[in-house]
Structures are given as structure tokens and as C-alpha cells.
Amino acid sequence: MRGFFKMAKKTYNILIVILLCFAVDVCAADFRCEVDTVVPTAAAQTDTVRPTKTKPAKVSRLGNKRVTFETFDQHYARAMKFYDNRQWLSAAGLFQELYPLSLGTPRADTILFLFADSYYQNGDYNMAALHFRDYVRRYPNSEHTEDAFFRCIEAVYKTSPDYSLDQSNTDYAIEQIKAFLQAYPDNKHVEECNVMLDDLRLKLARKDLEIVKLYYDTDHYEACQIAAKNFFNDYAYSPLMPEAVYYLVLNNYEYARRSTERKKAERLKACLDACQRMILNYPDSKYAKETEKIAQDVTKQLEKYKNKPN
């Protein structure tokens, strides 16, 4: 009997262990299921999650249509509306699409002109010059050719940089303005062209004058004389001439002061020549009084060399 109870107790313990193991497996399975449900994988999200519905953006009646021969008139009217409302980039975008379809029709030259002008009005002068130049090349006998050429030189003029920068665009603008005046000598924009030319030439003169001043400031006296001579030849009628002559006076005066006795007289004479150029040609210049003082001092110094043998 005692043996029977022992066996029954062992059997009871074994059953308890089995039930506990089963309970642990069930809990683990539930936990895994919960994790898989709450945090799905990226693939599961992609397959099952639907995008949130959003209100579609409003588009114009033609906004989703391409420019075709069938929709040409509608898009042309739309482009003109953009242009009239000063929506330059929108107008340019549509004109660009319309132009290839308009080739061979009476509207082609108008579309290209307005396309270029949209860029001009928007301040993109490089693009405007490019397309106005293309217009002049494609339509040399159009009623708008002269206006397109003038807009082209205006745009090129506006791309000319500050005098301290490279002046390639300035040189090109001068060439284009001269070409326009030659092609249309009796055009209504002659005065405007002359104003642009004067401004561009003044910019070039200012850059070259800065070179003269730089040579003087860095004690390159002979180089300064050469640069000044070139300036006088290139910009004889420039309003910067008095300033250029004044710097030559200062340069020659300093050059003579630092020279040996053997060279001093010769260089004082060069300084006096520059002084006389200022006094005779620009007596009302703001540099004239200072130049007269230098001339008096140079004249006194030259007196010492009158009776000296060469």
C-alpha cells in the first residue's frame, strides 16, 4: 500500500511538470504573436498599409494636357494671359513648348519674340540675349527684327560686369551696339545706344586707369609711364583723362626724386611735360592746382642743371 502511494505521488509530480511546460510554451507563442501584430516588418507595412487620402491640388483646365496641335490655340491663349499678367517664367515655359509647333505658321516669329522678351522682363539677360539673337538670325526681315536686335544689345549691355572684373562682356556689348548702329543707322534708339557706348567705354577706361594707379602705387615707374601712354591713346576724350594725367605727374615726380644725379634732370623734364599737359588741357580740373605746385618745384630744380655739362 505504501508503495502504491509513492508511485501515485511521482505520477502527480510528473503531471505538474508537464502542465507547467505547456503553459510556458503557450505564453511564449502569445507573446510572439503580439509582437508580430504590433510591429510588422517593413515588407508587411508596404503590402498592407494604404496611403492616407489627401485632397488633390487644384490644377488649371489645361494644366494636365500637353501642348499639341489640337490644344495649340488654347495653350497660346493661356501663354498670352501669363505674359499680360507679368507671369514671365510661366509664359516662357509655354512659349518654349509652343514654338516648335508654330514653325511655318504666321505665329512663329511672334512666339519666339515673346519667349525671349519673357526672359528679358524677368531679368535673365543672358537667356534673353541668346534668344533675341536667335530671332534676328531666323527672321532677318520680320517687322520685329529691329526691336529684337535692340533688345539683344540692351540685354548684353546689362550683362557687363563691374569695371574691376573681366571685361569680355563689355567688349562684346560694344561690338554688338556698333553692329546694330551699322545695320540700322536711322533707328529711333541712336541716343540710347550712344549712352550705352559711353557707359561701357567709361568702364573700360576706369579699369585701365586702375592699372596706371597700381603701377604708381607699387613704384613701377616705367611701367606706369607706358600704361599712361596707352591710356592717352585709347581714351583721349574720356572724362578720366585729367585723373590719368595727374597720376603720370605724380609718377614722374617721384621717379625723378628717387633717381641718381645723372638721370634726375631728364626725369624732371618728363615730369614738367606731364604738368604742362595738365595745365594746358585741363586748367579747370580739380588736379590743376596741385599740378601747378609740382611744376613750380620741378622748374626750380631744373635751374640747377642748366649750366651743368651733360
Protein backbone atom coordinates (compact mmCIF):
# COMPACT_ATOMS: atom_id res chain seq x y z
CA MET A 1 0.00 0.00 0.00
CA ARG A 2 2.83 2.37 0.89
CA GLY A 3 4.45 1.59 -2.48
CA PHE A 4 1.22 2.47 -4.26
CA PHE A 5 1.12 5.95 -2.71
CA LYS A 6 4.73 6.59 -3.64
CA MET A 7 4.04 5.74 -7.26
CA ALA A 8 0.93 7.93 -7.26
CA LYS A 9 2.92 10.89 -5.84
CA LYS A 10 5.61 10.54 -8.53
CA THR A 11 2.98 10.38 -11.21
CA TYR A 12 1.33 13.54 -9.81
CA ASN A 13 4.66 15.43 -9.83
CA ILE A 14 5.33 14.43 -13.43
CA LEU A 15 1.90 15.69 -14.50
CA ILE A 16 2.54 19.03 -12.75
CA VAL A 17 5.85 19.48 -14.62
CA ILE A 18 4.21 18.66 -17.96
CA LEU A 19 1.42 21.18 -17.34
CA LEU A 20 3.92 23.93 -16.41
CA CYS A 21 5.96 23.35 -19.59
CA PHE A 22 2.81 23.50 -21.68
CA ALA A 23 1.79 26.76 -20.03
CA VAL A 24 5.22 28.32 -20.77
CA ASP A 25 5.00 27.36 -24.47
CA VAL A 26 1.53 28.86 -24.76
CA CYS A 27 2.63 32.16 -23.18
CA ALA A 28 5.68 32.39 -25.46
CA ALA A 29 3.52 31.78 -28.51
CA ASP A 30 1.09 34.50 -27.42
CA PHE A 31 3.97 36.95 -26.89
CA ARG A 32 5.43 36.29 -30.36
CA CYS A 33 2.01 36.73 -31.89
CA GLU A 34 1.56 40.05 -30.09
CA VAL A 35 4.96 41.34 -31.24
CA ASP A 36 4.32 40.34 -34.86
CA THR A 37 0.98 42.11 -34.82
CA VAL A 38 2.08 45.39 -33.20
CA VAL A 39 5.39 45.88 -35.07
CA PRO A 40 5.05 44.47 -38.59
CA THR A 41 8.10 44.24 -40.85
CA ALA A 42 8.79 46.85 -43.50
CA ALA A 43 7.60 44.43 -46.18
CA ALA A 44 4.35 43.85 -44.34
CA GLN A 45 3.81 47.61 -43.99
CA THR A 46 4.38 48.14 -47.68
CA ASP A 47 1.92 45.42 -48.63
CA THR A 48 -0.86 46.19 -46.20
CA VAL A 49 -0.80 49.88 -45.24
CA ARG A 50 -2.83 52.12 -47.55
CA PRO A 51 -1.80 55.74 -48.15
CA THR A 52 -3.82 58.43 -46.45
CA LYS A 53 -6.24 60.11 -48.78
CA THR A 54 -5.35 63.75 -49.47
CA LYS A 55 -7.29 66.42 -51.23
CA PRO A 56 -5.97 66.79 -54.78
CA ALA A 57 -4.31 70.12 -55.65
CA LYS A 58 -6.28 72.40 -57.89
CA VAL A 59 -5.00 72.46 -61.44
CA SER A 60 -5.96 74.66 -64.34
CA ARG A 61 -8.23 73.33 -67.02
CA LEU A 62 -5.26 72.78 -69.36
CA GLY A 63 -2.70 72.07 -66.66
CA ASN A 64 -2.72 68.32 -67.26
CA LYS A 65 -2.73 68.50 -71.06
CA ARG A 66 0.33 68.51 -73.27
CA VAL A 67 0.76 71.13 -75.94
CA THR A 68 -0.36 69.53 -79.18
CA PHE A 69 -1.69 70.76 -82.50
CA GLU A 70 -5.19 70.15 -81.17
CA THR A 71 -4.63 72.18 -77.97
CA PHE A 72 -2.34 74.78 -79.56
CA ASP A 73 -4.85 77.68 -79.61
CA GLN A 74 -5.88 77.08 -76.00
CA HIS A 75 -2.28 76.97 -74.78
CA TYR A 76 -1.38 80.03 -76.86
CA ALA A 77 -4.19 81.99 -75.23
CA ARG A 78 -3.02 80.77 -71.85
CA ALA A 79 0.58 81.81 -72.58
CA MET A 80 -0.58 85.29 -73.64
CA LYS A 81 -2.55 85.57 -70.41
CA PHE A 82 0.57 84.71 -68.41
CA TYR A 83 2.53 87.30 -70.41
CA ASP A 84 -0.08 90.03 -69.94
CA ASN A 85 -0.20 89.28 -66.20
CA ARG A 86 3.60 89.59 -65.98
CA GLN A 87 4.00 85.92 -65.04
CA TRP A 88 7.16 85.79 -67.08
CA LEU A 89 8.50 82.33 -66.26
CA SER A 90 5.14 80.66 -66.79
CA ALA A 91 4.81 82.47 -70.11
CA ALA A 92 8.33 81.49 -71.16
CA GLY A 93 7.66 77.84 -70.34
CA LEU A 94 4.57 77.72 -72.54
CA PHE A 95 6.10 79.74 -75.38
CA GLN A 96 9.01 77.31 -75.42
CA GLU A 97 6.60 74.40 -75.94
CA LEU A 98 4.51 76.27 -78.49
CA TYR A 99 7.34 77.44 -80.72
CA PRO A 100 8.29 74.10 -82.35
CA LEU A 101 4.63 73.51 -83.26
CA SER A 102 4.30 77.02 -84.68
CA LEU A 103 7.14 76.73 -87.21
CA GLY A 104 5.89 77.50 -90.69
CA THR A 105 2.92 79.48 -89.37
CA PRO A 106 2.44 83.28 -89.05
CA ARG A 107 2.64 82.99 -85.27
CA ALA A 108 6.16 81.54 -85.13
CA ASP A 109 8.13 84.80 -85.07
CA THR A 110 5.75 86.38 -82.54
CA ILE A 111 6.07 83.40 -80.19
CA LEU A 112 9.88 83.42 -80.36
CA PHE A 113 9.96 87.19 -79.75
CA LEU A 114 7.67 86.91 -76.72
CA PHE A 115 9.65 83.91 -75.46
CA ALA A 116 12.87 85.97 -75.50
CA ASP A 117 11.11 89.01 -74.04
CA SER A 118 9.73 86.95 -71.14
CA TYR A 119 13.30 86.19 -70.09
CA TYR A 120 14.25 89.84 -70.55
CA GLN A 121 11.36 91.07 -68.42
CA ASN A 122 12.26 88.52 -65.74
CA GLY A 123 15.84 89.86 -65.56
CA ASP A 124 17.54 86.83 -67.11
CA TYR A 125 19.57 88.87 -69.59
CA ASN A 126 21.89 86.10 -70.72
CA MET A 127 18.97 83.94 -71.84
CA ALA A 128 17.19 86.95 -73.32
CA ALA A 129 20.23 87.92 -75.39
CA LEU A 130 20.61 84.33 -76.59
CA HIS A 131 17.03 84.07 -77.86
CA PHE A 132 16.79 87.60 -79.28
CA ARG A 133 19.99 86.87 -81.22
CA ASP A 134 18.38 83.66 -82.45
CA TYR A 135 15.33 85.65 -83.51
CA VAL A 136 17.43 88.08 -85.58
CA ARG A 137 19.17 85.13 -87.25
CA ARG A 138 15.93 83.26 -88.03
CA TYR A 139 13.77 86.24 -89.03
CA PRO A 140 16.06 88.90 -90.57
CA ASN A 141 13.21 90.55 -92.47
CA SER A 142 10.47 90.49 -89.86
CA GLU A 143 8.75 93.64 -88.67
CA HIS A 144 10.11 92.82 -85.19
CA THR A 145 13.74 92.24 -86.24
CA GLU A 146 14.99 95.72 -85.39
CA ASP A 147 13.28 95.65 -81.99
CA ALA A 148 14.68 92.16 -81.32
CA PHE A 149 18.21 93.32 -82.21
CA PHE A 150 17.87 96.34 -79.93
CA ARG A 151 16.56 94.19 -77.07
CA CYS A 152 19.51 91.88 -77.66
CA ILE A 153 22.08 94.68 -77.27
CA GLU A 154 20.22 96.00 -74.23
CA ALA A 155 20.42 92.55 -72.65
CA VAL A 156 24.12 92.19 -73.49
CA TYR A 157 24.75 95.67 -72.10
CA LYS A 158 23.14 94.65 -68.83
CA THR A 159 25.48 91.64 -68.52
CA SER A 160 28.54 93.91 -68.48
CA PRO A 161 30.12 93.50 -65.01
CA ASP A 162 31.77 95.97 -62.64
CA TYR A 163 34.99 97.50 -64.01
CA SER A 164 37.10 95.52 -61.52
CA LEU A 165 36.07 92.22 -63.15
CA ASP A 166 36.85 90.66 -66.52
CA GLN A 167 35.56 92.92 -69.29
CA SER A 168 34.98 90.39 -72.08
CA ASN A 169 31.22 91.01 -71.93
CA THR A 170 31.82 94.75 -72.08
CA ASP A 171 33.92 94.42 -75.25
CA TYR A 172 31.26 92.17 -76.77
CA ALA A 173 28.49 94.62 -75.88
CA ILE A 174 30.36 97.45 -77.62
CA GLU A 175 30.77 95.29 -80.74
CA GLN A 176 27.07 94.41 -80.79
CA ILE A 177 25.94 98.03 -80.34
CA LYS A 178 28.20 99.11 -83.21
CA ALA A 179 26.77 96.29 -85.37
CA PHE A 180 23.22 97.44 -84.56
CA LEU A 181 24.02 101.06 -85.45
CA GLN A 182 25.59 99.92 -88.69
CA ALA A 183 22.58 97.75 -89.58
CA TYR A 184 20.04 100.42 -88.59
CA PRO A 185 21.76 103.84 -88.88
CA ASP A 186 18.45 105.73 -88.78
CA ASN A 187 16.89 103.80 -85.91
CA LYS A 188 14.98 105.54 -83.13
CA HIS A 189 17.38 104.27 -80.44
CA VAL A 190 20.54 106.12 -81.55
CA GLU A 191 20.69 108.29 -78.44
CA GLU A 192 20.19 105.30 -76.14
CA CYS A 193 22.93 103.42 -77.98
CA ASN A 194 25.34 106.32 -77.55
CA VAL A 195 24.59 106.46 -73.82
CA MET A 196 25.31 102.74 -73.52
CA LEU A 197 28.54 103.08 -75.50
CA ASP A 198 29.73 105.96 -73.32
CA ASP A 199 29.00 103.98 -70.17
CA LEU A 200 30.79 100.86 -71.45
CA ARG A 201 33.83 102.82 -72.62
CA LEU A 202 34.00 104.63 -69.30
CA LYS A 203 34.05 101.24 -67.57
CA LEU A 204 36.97 100.09 -69.74
CA ALA A 205 38.77 103.39 -69.13
CA ARG A 206 38.31 103.06 -65.38
CA LYS A 207 39.81 99.58 -65.45
CA ASP A 208 42.86 100.78 -67.42
CA LEU A 209 43.25 103.80 -65.16
CA GLU A 210 43.34 101.49 -62.17
CA ILE A 211 46.30 99.77 -63.82
CA VAL A 212 48.11 103.12 -64.14
CA LYS A 213 47.45 103.83 -60.46
CA LEU A 214 48.55 100.35 -59.43
CA TYR A 215 51.91 100.75 -61.15
CA TYR A 216 52.39 104.11 -59.44
CA ASP A 217 51.40 102.79 -56.01
CA THR A 218 53.83 99.87 -56.33
CA ASP A 219 56.75 102.06 -57.52
CA HIS A 220 56.84 100.59 -61.04
CA TYR A 221 57.55 103.99 -62.57
CA GLU A 222 58.46 103.00 -66.11
CA ALA A 223 55.51 100.61 -66.35
CA CYS A 224 53.27 103.42 -65.14
CA GLN A 225 54.55 105.69 -67.94
CA ILE A 226 53.80 103.03 -70.56
CA ALA A 227 50.34 102.33 -69.16
CA ALA A 228 49.57 106.07 -69.07
CA LYS A 229 50.68 106.48 -72.69
CA ASN A 230 48.40 103.62 -73.74
CA PHE A 231 45.55 105.20 -71.79
CA PHE A 232 46.03 108.53 -73.58
CA ASN A 233 45.92 106.79 -76.97
CA ASP A 234 42.84 104.71 -76.20
CA TYR A 235 40.76 107.20 -74.21
CA ALA A 236 41.73 110.62 -75.50
CA TYR A 237 38.23 112.01 -74.89
CA SER A 238 37.46 110.18 -71.68
CA PRO A 239 36.32 112.21 -68.65
CA LEU A 240 39.00 110.27 -66.74
CA MET A 241 41.84 111.86 -68.69
CA PRO A 242 42.64 114.57 -66.07
CA GLU A 243 42.99 111.90 -63.39
CA ALA A 244 45.24 109.81 -65.64
CA VAL A 245 47.48 112.81 -66.40
CA TYR A 246 47.66 113.67 -62.70
CA TYR A 247 48.89 110.19 -61.83
CA LEU A 248 51.51 110.47 -64.54
CA VAL A 249 52.63 113.77 -62.97
CA LEU A 250 52.90 112.14 -59.54
CA ASN A 251 54.68 109.13 -61.01
CA ASN A 252 57.26 111.17 -62.91
CA TYR A 253 57.84 113.48 -59.95
CA GLU A 254 58.51 110.57 -57.60
CA TYR A 255 60.62 108.82 -60.25
CA ALA A 256 62.80 111.92 -60.66
CA ARG A 257 63.11 112.39 -56.90
CA ARG A 258 64.46 108.87 -56.47
CA SER A 259 66.80 109.00 -59.46
CA THR A 260 70.56 109.39 -59.47
CA GLU A 261 72.02 112.78 -60.33
CA ARG A 262 72.91 111.54 -63.79
CA LYS A 263 69.26 110.73 -64.59
CA LYS A 264 67.46 113.32 -62.49
CA ALA A 265 67.38 116.21 -64.99
CA GLU A 266 65.95 114.04 -67.75
CA ARG A 267 63.21 112.72 -65.48
CA LEU A 268 62.38 116.15 -64.09
CA LYS A 269 61.79 117.31 -67.69
CA ALA A 270 59.42 114.37 -68.23
CA CYS A 271 57.56 115.41 -65.10
CA LEU A 272 57.35 119.03 -66.28
CA ASP A 273 55.95 117.85 -69.64
CA ALA A 274 53.19 115.99 -67.82
CA CYS A 275 52.48 119.08 -65.69
CA GLN A 276 52.15 121.27 -68.77
CA ARG A 277 49.79 118.75 -70.35
CA MET A 278 47.51 119.07 -67.33
CA ILE A 279 47.71 122.87 -67.08
CA LEU A 280 47.10 123.47 -70.79
CA ASN A 281 44.39 120.86 -71.44
CA TYR A 282 42.59 120.67 -68.11
CA PRO A 283 43.00 124.00 -66.34
CA ASP A 284 39.66 123.64 -64.54
CA SER A 285 40.38 120.16 -63.26
CA LYS A 286 40.45 119.54 -59.52
CA TYR A 287 44.03 118.32 -60.03
CA ALA A 288 45.24 121.55 -61.69
CA LYS A 289 46.32 123.47 -58.55
CA GLU A 290 48.33 120.60 -57.11
CA THR A 291 49.93 120.11 -60.53
CA GLU A 292 50.95 123.79 -60.68
CA LYS A 293 52.74 123.45 -57.33
CA ILE A 294 54.64 120.42 -58.57
CA ALA A 295 55.51 122.28 -61.79
CA GLN A 296 56.97 125.21 -59.83
CA ASP A 297 59.10 122.90 -57.72
CA VAL A 298 60.33 120.98 -60.77
CA THR A 299 61.20 124.24 -62.55
CA LYS A 300 63.33 125.36 -59.59
CA GLN A 301 65.14 122.04 -59.51
CA LEU A 302 65.86 122.19 -63.22
CA GLU A 303 67.57 125.56 -62.77
CA LYS A 304 70.41 123.71 -61.03
CA TYR A 305 71.12 121.68 -64.16
CA LYS A 306 71.10 124.49 -66.73
CA ASN A 307 74.80 125.23 -66.63
CA LYS A 308 75.91 121.68 -65.83
CA PRO A 309 77.52 119.70 -68.64
CA ASN A 310 75.65 116.62 -69.78
